[in-house]
C-alpha atoms as a PDB file:
ATOM      1  CA  MET A   1       7.153 -16.392 -24.207  1.00  0.00           C
ATOM      2  CA  THR A   2       6.215 -16.551 -20.096  1.00  0.00           C
ATOM      3  CA  GLU A   3       6.399 -13.147 -18.285  1.00  0.00           C
ATOM      4  CA  THR A   4      10.022 -13.020 -15.783  1.00  0.00           C
ATOM      5  CA  PHE A   5       8.474 -11.535 -12.765  1.00  0.00           C
ATOM      6  CA  ARG A   6       9.395  -7.634 -11.615  1.00  0.00           C
ATOM      7  CA  PRO A   7      10.796  -6.021  -8.836  1.00  0.00           C
ATOM      8  CA  ALA A   8       9.512  -2.575  -8.236  1.00  0.00           C
ATOM      9  CA  SER A   9      11.503   0.261  -8.438  1.00  0.00           C
ATOM     10  CA  LEU A  10      10.413   3.377  -6.157  1.00  0.00           C
ATOM     11  CA  ARG A  11      13.861   6.279  -5.768  1.00  0.00           C
ATOM     12  CA  GLY A  12      15.401   3.031  -5.835  1.00  0.00           C
ATOM     13  CA  LEU A  13      13.540   1.202  -2.896  1.00  0.00           C
ATOM     14  CA  MET A  14      12.686  -2.329  -4.445  1.00  0.00           C
ATOM     15  CA  LEU A  15       9.621  -3.904  -3.854  1.00  0.00           C
ATOM     16  CA  GLY A  16       9.713  -8.545  -4.584  1.00  0.00           C
ATOM     17  CA  ALA A  17      13.601  -7.685  -4.092  1.00  0.00           C
ATOM     18  CA  GLY A  18      15.175  -8.727  -0.558  1.00  0.00           C
ATOM     19  CA  ALA A  19      13.700  -7.864   3.256  1.00  0.00           C
ATOM     20  CA  PRO A  20       9.970  -6.779   3.813  1.00  0.00           C
ATOM     21  CA  LYS A  21       9.519  -2.931   2.787  1.00  0.00           C
ATOM     22  CA  ILE A  22       8.075  -0.904   6.201  1.00  0.00           C
ATOM     23  CA  ILE A  23       5.216   1.280   4.806  1.00  0.00           C
ATOM     24  CA  VAL A  24       4.249   3.661   7.378  1.00  0.00           C
ATOM     25  CA  PRO A  25       1.470   6.120   6.731  1.00  0.00           C
ATOM     26  CA  ILE A  26       0.654   9.209   7.866  1.00  0.00           C
ATOM     27  CA  VAL A  27      -3.017  10.219   8.319  1.00  0.00           C
ATOM     28  CA  GLY A  28      -2.499  13.337   9.178  1.00  0.00           C
ATOM     29  CA  ALA A  29      -5.960  15.501   8.438  1.00  0.00           C
ATOM     30  CA  SER A  30      -3.951  18.873   8.620  1.00  0.00           C
ATOM     31  CA  LEU A  31      -0.379  19.921   6.844  1.00  0.00           C
ATOM     32  CA  ASP A  32       1.167  21.375  10.331  1.00  0.00           C
ATOM     33  CA  ALA A  33      -0.625  17.400  12.266  1.00  0.00           C
ATOM     34  CA  VAL A  34       1.386  16.286   8.725  1.00  0.00           C
ATOM     35  CA  ARG A  35       4.186  17.853   8.848  1.00  0.00           C
ATOM     36  CA  THR A  36       5.215  17.128  12.893  1.00  0.00           C
ATOM     37  CA  THR A  37       3.936  13.589  12.346  1.00  0.00           C
ATOM     38  CA  VAL A  38       7.322  13.183   9.728  1.00  0.00           C
ATOM     39  CA  GLY A  39       9.291  15.424  11.633  1.00  0.00           C
ATOM     40  CA  GLY A  40       8.620  12.770  14.394  1.00  0.00           C
ATOM     41  CA  LEU A  41       9.388   9.461  11.959  1.00  0.00           C
ATOM     42  CA  ALA A  42      13.467   7.768  12.661  1.00  0.00           C
ATOM     43  CA  ARG A  43      14.968   6.773   9.866  1.00  0.00           C
ATOM     44  CA  ASP A  44      15.558   3.151  10.243  1.00  0.00           C
ATOM     45  CA  ASP A  45      11.356   2.819  10.890  1.00  0.00           C
ATOM     46  CA  TYR A  46      10.428   2.844   7.974  1.00  0.00           C
ATOM     47  CA  ASP A  47      11.443   2.564   3.373  1.00  0.00           C
ATOM     48  CA  LEU A  48       7.961   4.012   2.321  1.00  0.00           C
ATOM     49  CA  VAL A  49       5.400   6.845   3.246  1.00  0.00           C
ATOM     50  CA  GLU A  50       2.353   6.046   2.604  1.00  0.00           C
ATOM     51  CA  LEU A  51      -0.258   9.706   2.153  1.00  0.00           C
ATOM     52  CA  ARG A  52      -3.681   8.762   3.285  1.00  0.00           C
ATOM     53  CA  VAL A  53      -4.579  12.230   1.481  1.00  0.00           C
ATOM     54  CA  ASP A  54      -8.645  10.894   2.630  1.00  0.00           C
ATOM     55  CA  HIS A  55      -7.512  12.074   6.719  1.00  0.00           C
ATOM     56  CA  PHE A  56      -7.517  15.521   4.520  1.00  0.00           C
ATOM     57  CA  ASP A  57      -9.873  18.372   5.268  1.00  0.00           C
ATOM     58  CA  ASP A  58      -9.392  19.572   2.725  1.00  0.00           C
ATOM     59  CA  VAL A  59      -9.010  17.073   0.258  1.00  0.00           C
ATOM     60  CA  GLU A  60     -11.188  18.746  -1.954  1.00  0.00           C
ATOM     61  CA  HIS A  61      -9.176  21.787  -2.736  1.00  0.00           C
ATOM     62  CA  HIS A  62      -6.664  20.474  -5.608  1.00  0.00           C
ATOM     63  CA  THR A  63      -4.515  23.759  -4.344  1.00  0.00           C
ATOM     64  CA  GLU A  64      -3.685  22.595  -0.981  1.00  0.00           C
ATOM     65  CA  VAL A  65      -3.346  19.209  -2.601  1.00  0.00           C
ATOM     66  CA  LEU A  66      -0.309  20.345  -3.787  1.00  0.00           C
ATOM     67  CA  GLU A  67       0.317  21.908  -1.170  1.00  0.00           C
ATOM     68  CA  LEU A  68       0.738  19.074   1.151  1.00  0.00           C
ATOM     69  CA  LEU A  69       2.667  17.570  -1.602  1.00  0.00           C
ATOM     70  CA  GLU A  70       5.060  19.975  -1.969  1.00  0.00           C
ATOM     71  CA  THR A  71       5.354  19.974   1.918  1.00  0.00           C
ATOM     72  CA  LEU A  72       5.867  15.984   2.511  1.00  0.00           C
ATOM     73  CA  ARG A  73       8.584  16.380   0.006  1.00  0.00           C
ATOM     74  CA  GLU A  74      10.280  18.907   1.410  1.00  0.00           C
ATOM     75  CA  GLU A  75      10.341  17.080   5.090  1.00  0.00           C
ATOM     76  CA  LEU A  76      11.368  13.984   3.536  1.00  0.00           C
ATOM     77  CA  PRO A  77      15.043  12.418   3.058  1.00  0.00           C
ATOM     78  CA  ASP A  78      15.302  12.913  -0.723  1.00  0.00           C
ATOM     79  CA  ASP A  79      15.124   8.238  -1.471  1.00  0.00           C
ATOM     80  CA  VAL A  80      11.680   7.854   0.539  1.00  0.00           C
ATOM     81  CA  PRO A  81       9.426   7.412  -1.828  1.00  0.00           C
ATOM     82  CA  VAL A  82       5.921   8.571  -1.530  1.00  0.00           C
ATOM     83  CA  LEU A  83       3.397   6.738  -1.816  1.00  0.00           C
ATOM     84  CA  PHE A  84      -0.319   8.834  -2.865  1.00  0.00           C
ATOM     85  CA  THR A  85      -3.391   6.781  -1.094  1.00  0.00           C
ATOM     86  CA  PHE A  86      -6.952   8.187  -1.036  1.00  0.00           C
ATOM     87  CA  ARG A  87      -9.151   5.582   0.410  1.00  0.00           C
ATOM     88  CA  SER A  88     -13.028   4.997  -0.234  1.00  0.00           C
ATOM     89  CA  LYS A  89     -14.988   4.109   2.821  1.00  0.00           C
ATOM     90  CA  PRO A  90     -16.887   0.907   1.079  1.00  0.00           C
ATOM     91  CA  GLU A  91     -12.699  -0.135   1.145  1.00  0.00           C
ATOM     92  CA  GLY A  92     -12.286   0.987   4.454  1.00  0.00           C
ATOM     93  CA  GLY A  93     -11.238   4.871   4.024  1.00  0.00           C
ATOM     94  CA  ALA A  94     -11.808   8.207   6.350  1.00  0.00           C
ATOM     95  CA  ARG A  95     -14.666   9.151   3.569  1.00  0.00           C
ATOM     96  CA  ASP A  96     -16.407   8.611   0.248  1.00  0.00           C
ATOM     97  CA  ILE A  97     -15.656   9.743  -2.820  1.00  0.00           C
ATOM     98  CA  ASP A  98     -17.614  10.726  -5.925  1.00  0.00           C
ATOM     99  CA  ALA A  99     -15.255   8.398  -8.917  1.00  0.00           C
ATOM    100  CA  ARG A 100     -15.030  11.500 -11.050  1.00  0.00           C
ATOM    101  CA  ASP A 101     -13.050  12.832  -8.544  1.00  0.00           C
ATOM    102  CA  TYR A 102     -11.348  10.496  -7.430  1.00  0.00           C
ATOM    103  CA  GLU A 103     -10.103  10.158 -10.981  1.00  0.00           C
ATOM    104  CA  SER A 104      -8.832  13.546 -10.815  1.00  0.00           C
ATOM    105  CA  LEU A 105      -7.398  13.924  -7.571  1.00  0.00           C
ATOM    106  CA  LEU A 106      -5.208  10.828  -8.504  1.00  0.00           C
ATOM    107  CA  ARG A 107      -4.273  11.731 -11.711  1.00  0.00           C
ATOM    108  CA  LEU A 108      -3.535  15.531 -10.012  1.00  0.00           C
ATOM    109  CA  ALA A 109      -1.174  12.500  -7.730  1.00  0.00           C
ATOM    110  CA  ILE A 110       0.418  11.404 -10.541  1.00  0.00           C
ATOM    111  CA  HIS A 111       0.926  14.230 -12.621  1.00  0.00           C
ATOM    112  CA  SER A 112       2.044  16.449  -9.969  1.00  0.00           C
ATOM    113  CA  GLY A 113       6.163  15.491  -9.988  1.00  0.00           C
ATOM    114  CA  LEU A 114       6.136  14.624  -6.202  1.00  0.00           C
ATOM    115  CA  VAL A 115       4.677  11.008  -5.703  1.00  0.00           C
ATOM    116  CA  ASP A 116       6.003   7.618  -6.652  1.00  0.00           C
ATOM    117  CA  ALA A 117       3.194   5.487  -6.333  1.00  0.00           C
ATOM    118  CA  VAL A 118      -0.540   6.091  -6.054  1.00  0.00           C
ATOM    119  CA  ASP A 119      -3.097   3.062  -4.933  1.00  0.00           C
ATOM    120  CA  VAL A 120      -6.013   2.546  -6.931  1.00  0.00           C
ATOM    121  CA  GLU A 121      -8.698   0.119  -5.571  1.00  0.00           C
ATOM    122  CA  MET A 122      -8.750  -2.211  -8.082  1.00  0.00           C
ATOM    123  CA  PHE A 123     -12.830  -2.642  -7.943  1.00  0.00           C
ATOM    124  CA  THR A 124     -12.457   1.249  -9.840  1.00  0.00           C
ATOM    125  CA  GLU A 125     -14.779   1.641 -12.532  1.00  0.00           C
ATOM    126  CA  LEU A 126     -12.926  -0.667 -15.172  1.00  0.00           C
ATOM    127  CA  GLY A 127     -12.664   2.625 -17.992  1.00  0.00           C
ATOM    128  CA  SER A 128     -11.364   4.694 -15.117  1.00  0.00           C
ATOM    129  CA  LEU A 129      -8.587   2.706 -13.957  1.00  0.00           C
ATOM    130  CA  GLU A 130      -6.899   1.795 -17.056  1.00  0.00           C
ATOM    131  CA  ARG A 131      -7.028   5.253 -17.914  1.00  0.00           C
ATOM    132  CA  LEU A 132      -4.725   6.440 -14.046  1.00  0.00           C
ATOM    133  CA  VAL A 133      -2.477   3.255 -14.917  1.00  0.00           C
ATOM    134  CA  ASN A 134      -1.842   4.476 -18.791  1.00  0.00           C
ATOM    135  CA  GLY A 135      -1.268   7.617 -16.992  1.00  0.00           C
ATOM    136  CA  ALA A 136       0.088   7.001 -13.742  1.00  0.00           C
ATOM    137  CA  HIS A 137       3.030   4.664 -16.197  1.00  0.00           C
ATOM    138  CA  GLU A 138       2.969   7.673 -18.763  1.00  0.00           C
ATOM    139  CA  ALA A 139       4.304   9.375 -15.646  1.00  0.00           C
ATOM    140  CA  GLY A 140       6.814   6.764 -14.253  1.00  0.00           C
ATOM    141  CA  VAL A 141       4.267   7.209 -11.799  1.00  0.00           C
ATOM    142  CA  ALA A 142       3.732   3.134 -10.021  1.00  0.00           C
ATOM    143  CA  VAL A 143       0.828   1.686  -9.318  1.00  0.00           C
ATOM    144  CA  ILE A 144      -0.272   0.024  -6.262  1.00  0.00           C
ATOM    145  CA  MET A 145      -3.387  -1.866  -7.438  1.00  0.00           C
ATOM    146  CA  SER A 146      -5.049  -2.337  -4.372  1.00  0.00           C
ATOM    147  CA  SER A 147      -8.548  -4.492  -2.540  1.00  0.00           C
ATOM    148  CA  HIS A 148      -9.714  -3.987   0.734  1.00  0.00           C
ATOM    149  CA  ASP A 149     -12.782  -6.524   2.749  1.00  0.00           C
ATOM    150  CA  PHE A 150     -14.162  -5.061   6.242  1.00  0.00           C
ATOM    151  CA  GLU A 151     -15.453  -8.314   6.440  1.00  0.00           C
ATOM    152  CA  ARG A 152     -14.194 -11.248   6.346  1.00  0.00           C
ATOM    153  CA  THR A 153     -11.292 -13.366   5.232  1.00  0.00           C
ATOM    154  CA  PRO A 154     -12.567 -14.585   1.484  1.00  0.00           C
ATOM    155  CA  PRO A 155     -11.727 -17.994   0.175  1.00  0.00           C
ATOM    156  CA  VAL A 156      -7.972 -18.862  -1.547  1.00  0.00           C
ATOM    157  CA  ALA A 157      -8.881 -19.295  -5.440  1.00  0.00           C
ATOM    158  CA  GLN A 158     -10.883 -15.391  -4.451  1.00  0.00           C
ATOM    159  CA  ILE A 159      -8.013 -13.815  -2.819  1.00  0.00           C
ATOM    160  CA  VAL A 160      -5.492 -15.521  -5.742  1.00  0.00           C
ATOM    161  CA  ALA A 161      -7.647 -14.307  -8.245  1.00  0.00           C
ATOM    162  CA  ARG A 162      -8.062 -10.916  -7.267  1.00  0.00           C
ATOM    163  CA  LEU A 163      -4.899 -10.788  -6.993  1.00  0.00           C
ATOM    164  CA  THR A 164      -3.793 -12.303 -10.825  1.00  0.00           C
ATOM    165  CA  LEU A 165      -6.620  -9.364 -12.183  1.00  0.00           C
ATOM    166  CA  GLN A 166      -4.896  -6.959 -10.059  1.00  0.00           C
ATOM    167  CA  GLN A 167      -2.419  -8.065 -11.963  1.00  0.00           C
ATOM    168  CA  ASP A 168      -3.399  -8.493 -15.177  1.00  0.00           C
ATOM    169  CA  LEU A 169      -4.627  -4.843 -14.974  1.00  0.00           C
ATOM    170  CA  GLY A 170      -1.112  -3.419 -15.002  1.00  0.00           C
ATOM    171  CA  ALA A 171      -0.593  -3.033 -11.188  1.00  0.00           C
ATOM    172  CA  ASP A 172       3.491  -2.692 -10.927  1.00  0.00           C
ATOM    173  CA  VAL A 173       2.564  -4.373  -7.504  1.00  0.00           C
ATOM    174  CA  VAL A 174      -0.227  -6.683  -6.394  1.00  0.00           C
ATOM    175  CA  LYS A 175      -2.061  -5.712  -3.005  1.00  0.00           C
ATOM    176  CA  VAL A 176      -5.126  -7.860  -0.999  1.00  0.00           C
ATOM    177  CA  ALA A 177      -5.881  -6.017   2.951  1.00  0.00           C
ATOM    178  CA  VAL A 178      -8.435  -9.216   4.753  1.00  0.00           C
ATOM    179  CA  MET A 179     -10.576  -9.226   7.844  1.00  0.00           C
ATOM    180  CA  PRO A 180     -10.286 -12.348   9.990  1.00  0.00           C
ATOM    181  CA  ASN A 181     -13.069 -13.713  12.000  1.00  0.00           C
ATOM    182  CA  SER A 182     -11.339 -17.077  13.094  1.00  0.00           C
ATOM    183  CA  PRO A 183      -7.547 -18.377  13.195  1.00  0.00           C
ATOM    184  CA  GLY A 184      -8.652 -20.129  10.312  1.00  0.00           C
ATOM    185  CA  ASP A 185      -9.354 -17.403   8.337  1.00  0.00           C
ATOM    186  CA  VAL A 186      -5.357 -15.946   8.592  1.00  0.00           C
ATOM    187  CA  LEU A 187      -4.535 -19.159   7.540  1.00  0.00           C
ATOM    188  CA  THR A 188      -6.281 -18.410   4.368  1.00  0.00           C
ATOM    189  CA  LEU A 189      -4.265 -15.148   4.198  1.00  0.00           C
ATOM    190  CA  LEU A 190      -1.074 -16.712   4.051  1.00  0.00           C
ATOM    191  CA  GLN A 191      -1.725 -19.849   1.369  1.00  0.00           C
ATOM    192  CA  ALA A 192      -3.504 -17.935  -0.587  1.00  0.00           C
ATOM    193  CA  THR A 193      -0.159 -15.363  -1.061  1.00  0.00           C
ATOM    194  CA  ALA A 194       1.990 -18.800  -0.462  1.00  0.00           C
ATOM    195  CA  GLU A 195      -0.163 -19.927  -3.796  1.00  0.00           C
ATOM    196  CA  PHE A 196      -0.028 -15.881  -5.683  1.00  0.00           C
ATOM    197  CA  THR A 197       3.929 -15.784  -5.564  1.00  0.00           C
ATOM    198  CA  SER A 198       5.471 -19.210  -5.970  1.00  0.00           C
ATOM    199  CA  THR A 199       2.363 -20.100  -8.803  1.00  0.00           C
ATOM    200  CA  ARG A 200       1.191 -16.801 -10.540  1.00  0.00           C
ATOM    201  CA  ALA A 201       3.040 -14.055  -9.790  1.00  0.00           C
ATOM    202  CA  VAL A 202       5.320 -11.144 -12.483  1.00  0.00           C
ATOM    203  CA  ARG A 203       4.422  -8.354 -10.175  1.00  0.00           C
ATOM    204  CA  PRO A 204       5.120  -8.287  -5.907  1.00  0.00           C
ATOM    205  CA  ALA A 205       2.230  -9.024  -4.107  1.00  0.00           C
ATOM    206  CA  ILE A 206       1.584  -7.084  -0.010  1.00  0.00           C
ATOM    207  CA  THR A 207      -0.817  -8.859   1.409  1.00  0.00           C
ATOM    208  CA  MET A 208      -2.000  -8.659   5.250  1.00  0.00           C
ATOM    209  CA  SER A 209      -4.758 -10.488   7.448  1.00  0.00           C
ATOM    210  CA  MET A 210      -5.986  -7.358   9.599  1.00  0.00           C
ATOM    211  CA  GLY A 211      -7.268  -6.766  13.619  1.00  0.00           C
ATOM    212  CA  PRO A 212      -5.643  -8.835  16.403  1.00  0.00           C
ATOM    213  CA  LEU A 213      -5.631 -11.892  15.024  1.00  0.00           C
ATOM    214  CA  GLY A 214      -3.750 -10.947  11.595  1.00  0.00           C
ATOM    215  CA  VAL A 215      -0.730  -9.653  13.779  1.00  0.00           C
ATOM    216  CA  VAL A 216       1.048 -12.120  12.686  1.00  0.00           C
ATOM    217  CA  SER A 217       0.669 -11.943   8.720  1.00  0.00           C
ATOM    218  CA  ARG A 218       1.985  -8.480   9.055  1.00  0.00           C
ATOM    219  CA  LEU A 219       4.964  -9.591  11.096  1.00  0.00           C
ATOM    220  CA  ALA A 220       5.533 -12.785   9.052  1.00  0.00           C
ATOM    221  CA  GLY A 221       4.765 -12.397   5.665  1.00  0.00           C
ATOM    222  CA  GLU A 222       8.221 -12.719   4.013  1.00  0.00           C
ATOM    223  CA  THR A 223       7.863 -16.355   4.815  1.00  0.00           C
ATOM    224  CA  PHE A 224       4.910 -16.801   1.775  1.00  0.00           C
ATOM    225  CA  GLY A 225       5.354 -13.972   0.033  1.00  0.00           C
ATOM    226  CA  SER A 226       4.435 -10.925   0.987  1.00  0.00           C
ATOM    227  CA  CYS A 227       7.103  -7.646   0.140  1.00  0.00           C
ATOM    228  CA  ALA A 228       6.128  -5.075   2.135  1.00  0.00           C
ATOM    229  CA  THR A 229       3.914  -4.809   5.607  1.00  0.00           C
ATOM    230  CA  PHE A 230       2.708  -1.818   7.368  1.00  0.00           C
ATOM    231  CA  GLY A 231       3.706  -0.351  10.827  1.00  0.00           C
ATOM    232  CA  SER A 232       1.820   2.935  12.336  1.00  0.00           C
ATOM    233  CA  ALA A 233       4.039   5.603  13.733  1.00  0.00           C
ATOM    234  CA  GLY A 234       1.565   7.432  16.060  1.00  0.00           C
ATOM    235  CA  THR A 235      -2.007   6.963  14.236  1.00  0.00           C
ATOM    236  CA  ALA A 236      -2.976   3.463  12.259  1.00  0.00           C
ATOM    237  CA  SER A 237      -4.310   3.430   9.344  1.00  0.00           C
ATOM    238  CA  ALA A 238      -6.236   0.333   9.676  1.00  0.00           C
ATOM    239  CA  PRO A 239      -6.609  -2.203  12.119  1.00  0.00           C
ATOM    240  CA  GLY A 240      -4.115  -4.740  13.548  1.00  0.00           C
ATOM    241  CA  GLN A 241      -1.415  -2.157  12.423  1.00  0.00           C
ATOM    242  CA  VAL A 242       2.191  -2.540  14.162  1.00  0.00           C
ATOM    243  CA  ASP A 243       4.592   0.599  16.152  1.00  0.00           C
ATOM    244  CA  ALA A 244       7.111   1.240  13.487  1.00  0.00           C
ATOM    245  CA  HIS A 245       9.699   1.023  15.383  1.00  0.00           C
ATOM    246  CA  GLU A 246       9.107  -2.726  17.005  1.00  0.00           C
ATOM    247  CA  LEU A 247       7.777  -4.065  13.282  1.00  0.00           C
ATOM    248  CA  ARG A 248      12.021  -3.553  11.688  1.00  0.00           C
ATOM    249  CA  GLY A 249      13.174  -6.282  14.124  1.00  0.00           C
ATOM    250  CA  VAL A 250      11.304  -8.978  14.350  1.00  0.00           C
ATOM    251  CA  LEU A 251      11.449  -8.380  10.339  1.00  0.00           C
ATOM    252  CA  GLN A 252      14.751  -8.798  10.602  1.00  0.00           C
ATOM    253  CA  LEU A 253      14.503 -11.890  13.036  1.00  0.00           C
ATOM    254  CA  VAL A 254      12.096 -13.181   9.307  1.00  0.00           C
ATOM    255  CA  HIS A 255      14.416 -12.395   6.946  1.00  0.00           C
ATOM    256  CA  ALA A 256      17.288 -13.349   8.228  1.00  0.00           C
ATOM    257  CA  ALA A 257      16.090 -16.747   9.894  1.00  0.00           C
ATOM    258  CA  GLN A 258      15.699 -17.249   5.875  1.00  0.00           C
ATOM    259  CA  GLY A 259      18.820 -17.608   5.070  1.00  0.00           C
END
């Protein structure tokens, strides 16, 4: 029996249904910095918050990470989902981390009761990846599996293969971000997104082409099948992110045009 497409539900927010959702990364280095950033968010400008703990100075200390999560949850409206992410240095993050510590940190978030989804990097060691995916699902936490290439844009077939593998590995949402070196690279990312979402997807996909060249992919992703995009609120977490407030207006225009 062929599996049917299944959107991801996070506190009632549906990724993979309706207009693309706006994810705002929080990149504060301290508890106060995170609190200030969240306090400055306009509710209409975002749908989901991503806590980028690789930017947090005390990320090695689990007690401080839990305090950070508690503070974030207290500061956010009840209906806003939280995505917990440690982005490793090879994938464009602020710092690197030992494989064992990476798994331990994500397990902490999964079992905290304070997050709705965790980002699991696709190139995590397979045994660790399987434990994280299974543990998250047992705890009722969604998995957004991700792959980033900050040097180039792989061919269409390779991008589609990555998204398909993430889906096969149990991701609730699949994600690929690549760096274009020409306008043609942006078209490659968009073509791969359309091919995956129209022929293979049973889970929602988030894709983007980074940097100035790739901004169009963040604005018009719905046309090609991407279910969410990242908008900045102050400090961006990746090159090419658009201000969240401005992004909302563009996404609404594109969505209305889809009929």
